[in-house]
Amino acid sequence: MNRIGSCRVHADQNRFIVMDSTADPHADMPEWTQEATGRGFVANDRVIHVRTLSRMQEHWVDMFQADTPLNSAADRGFSTDLEITSGRLLIRDSANPPATAFEVNLPAGRYAVHILTRNIGGGGQPEGEPDPREGRDLTDDDLKYGPGIERYQITLVRQD
């Protein structure tokens, strides 16, 4: 297993995107049906839209490349295939330009993408407790280690 990156991601409209850098993130995407919403994603060959449930818009993503998917506790998990033709994988929100995306260089090819979610629907402190982050911007450490923050683990397994 090889960690290939970590980043914060803004989940505009309760979703973020995992995609080949040259793909159009909105072209030929399946509809967000009730079934798709329940499983937490829609995808085509080169783009995955990941649904978030937190009332917060900032999330933390850890990315790995491995020979097999990582097995660890998660609130939700799914797998789908992704074609990376450009050699660059982007993690980005659905509204801002690609310049704000996190980029990972990978060999071009087909990958099985396994996404695990922890603290799904988390939004900060437990009900009734004051949030020490209130009124300030979240730091990367807040997102990585803070209680109740929705976190994502993405593992890419080369298929060809």
Protein backbone atom coordinates (compact mmCIF):
# COMPACT_ATOMS: atom_id res chain seq x y z
CA MET A 1 0.00 0.00 0.00
CA ASN A 2 1.28 3.43 -0.93
CA ARG A 3 -0.19 6.73 0.32
CA ILE A 4 -0.44 8.94 -2.75
CA GLY A 5 -1.94 12.01 -1.14
CA SER A 6 -4.22 13.67 1.37
CA CYS A 7 -6.30 16.78 0.96
CA ARG A 8 -9.24 18.79 2.15
CA VAL A 9 -12.16 18.89 -0.24
CA HIS A 10 -15.08 21.27 -0.41
CA ALA A 11 -18.34 19.39 -0.99
CA ASP A 12 -20.47 21.90 -2.83
CA GLN A 13 -24.09 20.69 -3.11
CA ASN A 14 -23.20 17.75 -0.82
CA ARG A 15 -20.85 16.11 -3.26
CA PHE A 16 -17.27 16.08 -4.46
CA ILE A 17 -15.75 14.61 -7.61
CA VAL A 18 -13.01 12.04 -8.27
CA MET A 19 -12.05 12.19 -11.95
CA ASP A 20 -9.57 11.90 -14.78
CA SER A 21 -8.15 15.39 -15.30
CA THR A 22 -9.28 15.65 -18.93
CA ALA A 23 -12.85 14.44 -18.39
CA ASP A 24 -15.88 16.73 -18.31
CA PRO A 25 -17.15 16.36 -14.72
CA HIS A 26 -20.80 16.83 -15.69
CA ALA A 27 -21.13 15.19 -19.12
CA ASP A 28 -22.94 11.87 -19.45
CA MET A 29 -23.48 11.47 -15.70
CA PRO A 30 -26.30 9.22 -14.53
CA GLU A 31 -29.19 10.83 -12.66
CA TRP A 32 -29.18 11.04 -8.86
CA THR A 33 -31.95 8.50 -8.43
CA GLN A 34 -33.12 7.35 -5.01
CA GLU A 35 -30.98 4.22 -5.47
CA ALA A 36 -27.88 6.26 -6.42
CA THR A 37 -28.43 8.62 -3.49
CA GLY A 38 -28.68 5.63 -1.13
CA ARG A 39 -25.47 4.02 -2.35
CA GLY A 40 -23.66 7.38 -2.21
CA PHE A 41 -22.37 7.92 -5.74
CA VAL A 42 -22.99 8.20 -9.46
CA ALA A 43 -20.27 7.49 -12.01
CA ASN A 44 -19.34 7.07 -15.63
CA ASP A 45 -16.08 5.65 -17.02
CA ARG A 46 -13.96 8.69 -16.07
CA VAL A 47 -15.85 10.57 -13.33
CA ILE A 48 -17.27 9.69 -9.88
CA HIS A 49 -19.55 12.06 -7.97
CA VAL A 50 -19.40 11.16 -4.25
CA ARG A 51 -22.35 12.17 -2.07
CA THR A 52 -21.64 13.60 1.36
CA LEU A 53 -24.15 13.82 4.21
CA SER A 54 -22.50 16.20 6.64
CA ARG A 55 -23.94 19.62 7.30
CA MET A 56 -20.34 20.84 6.92
CA GLN A 57 -18.94 21.44 3.46
CA GLU A 58 -15.30 20.69 4.24
CA HIS A 59 -14.08 17.09 4.40
CA TRP A 60 -10.79 15.20 4.56
CA VAL A 61 -9.64 12.68 1.92
CA ASP A 62 -6.74 10.19 2.21
CA MET A 63 -5.71 8.45 -1.02
CA PHE A 64 -3.80 5.20 -1.45
CA GLN A 65 -2.63 3.00 -4.30
CA ALA A 66 -2.59 -0.70 -3.43
CA ASP A 67 -2.72 -4.20 -4.93
CA THR A 68 -5.95 -4.94 -3.05
CA PRO A 69 -8.57 -2.71 -1.38
CA LEU A 70 -7.87 -1.61 2.17
CA ASN A 71 -10.14 -3.21 4.73
CA SER A 72 -11.07 -0.97 7.62
CA ALA A 73 -14.14 0.08 9.55
CA ALA A 74 -16.41 2.46 7.65
CA ASP A 75 -19.94 3.81 7.77
CA ARG A 76 -20.32 3.44 4.01
CA GLY A 77 -18.22 1.93 1.28
CA PHE A 78 -18.46 1.41 -2.46
CA SER A 79 -16.33 0.45 -5.44
CA THR A 80 -16.48 1.38 -9.09
CA ASP A 81 -14.08 1.45 -12.03
CA LEU A 82 -12.39 4.60 -13.33
CA GLU A 83 -10.39 5.12 -16.51
CA ILE A 84 -7.45 7.51 -16.06
CA THR A 85 -6.32 8.39 -19.59
CA SER A 86 -4.43 11.58 -18.75
CA GLY A 87 -2.22 10.15 -15.99
CA ARG A 88 -3.69 12.71 -13.56
CA LEU A 89 -6.46 12.08 -11.03
CA LEU A 90 -8.33 15.10 -9.64
CA ILE A 91 -10.26 15.42 -6.37
CA ARG A 92 -12.45 18.52 -6.62
CA ASP A 93 -15.75 20.07 -5.71
CA SER A 94 -18.58 20.18 -8.20
CA ALA A 95 -18.77 23.95 -8.72
CA ASN A 96 -15.30 25.52 -8.57
CA PRO A 97 -12.80 25.46 -11.44
CA PRO A 98 -10.28 22.62 -11.72
CA ALA A 99 -7.51 25.00 -10.60
CA THR A 100 -8.78 24.47 -7.03
CA ALA A 101 -8.54 20.66 -7.35
CA PHE A 102 -6.05 18.35 -5.67
CA GLU A 103 -4.08 16.46 -8.31
CA VAL A 104 -2.30 13.08 -8.14
CA ASN A 105 -0.09 11.75 -10.93
CA LEU A 106 -0.77 8.10 -11.77
CA PRO A 107 0.12 5.82 -14.66
CA ALA A 108 -2.65 5.97 -17.26
CA GLY A 109 -4.95 2.97 -17.09
CA ARG A 110 -8.07 1.46 -15.59
CA TYR A 111 -8.46 1.45 -11.81
CA ALA A 112 -10.88 -0.05 -9.34
CA VAL A 113 -11.70 2.81 -6.98
CA HIS A 114 -12.73 1.85 -3.44
CA ILE A 115 -14.15 4.66 -1.30
CA LEU A 116 -14.79 4.28 2.43
CA THR A 117 -16.54 6.94 4.51
CA ARG A 118 -16.18 7.48 8.25
CA ASN A 119 -18.35 9.69 10.47
CA ILE A 120 -20.94 9.88 7.74
CA GLY A 121 -23.30 12.74 8.37
CA GLY A 122 -20.95 14.13 11.00
CA GLY A 123 -20.98 17.83 11.41
CA GLY A 124 -18.85 18.62 14.39
CA GLN A 125 -19.45 18.38 18.12
CA PRO A 126 -22.17 16.23 19.68
CA GLU A 127 -25.57 17.89 20.10
CA GLY A 128 -25.59 20.49 22.86
CA GLU A 129 -21.81 20.75 23.24
CA PRO A 130 -20.06 23.96 22.19
CA ASP A 131 -17.82 23.63 19.16
CA PRO A 132 -14.41 25.24 19.77
CA ARG A 133 -14.11 25.69 15.98
CA GLU A 134 -17.20 27.93 15.88
CA GLY A 135 -16.50 31.27 14.21
CA ARG A 136 -13.19 30.35 12.64
CA ASP A 137 -12.00 28.62 9.49
CA LEU A 138 -11.27 24.93 9.86
CA THR A 139 -7.62 23.94 9.68
CA ASP A 140 -6.35 20.78 8.02
CA ASP A 141 -5.77 19.34 11.50
CA ASP A 142 -9.43 20.06 12.40
CA LEU A 143 -10.47 18.05 9.36
CA LYS A 144 -7.98 15.21 9.87
CA TYR A 145 -8.46 14.71 13.60
CA GLY A 146 -11.52 16.64 14.79
CA PRO A 147 -14.51 14.81 16.26
CA GLY A 148 -17.41 14.10 13.97
CA ILE A 149 -15.75 15.21 10.73
CA GLU A 150 -16.75 13.19 7.65
CA ARG A 151 -13.59 11.55 6.25
CA TYR A 152 -12.97 9.59 3.07
CA GLN A 153 -10.41 6.92 2.26
CA ILE A 154 -9.90 6.36 -1.47
CA THR A 155 -7.91 3.33 -2.60
CA LEU A 156 -6.99 2.85 -6.25
CA VAL A 157 -6.18 -0.65 -7.50
CA ARG A 158 -4.70 -0.87 -11.02
CA GLN A 159 -6.75 -3.22 -13.25
CA ASP A 160 -4.63 -3.45 -16.43
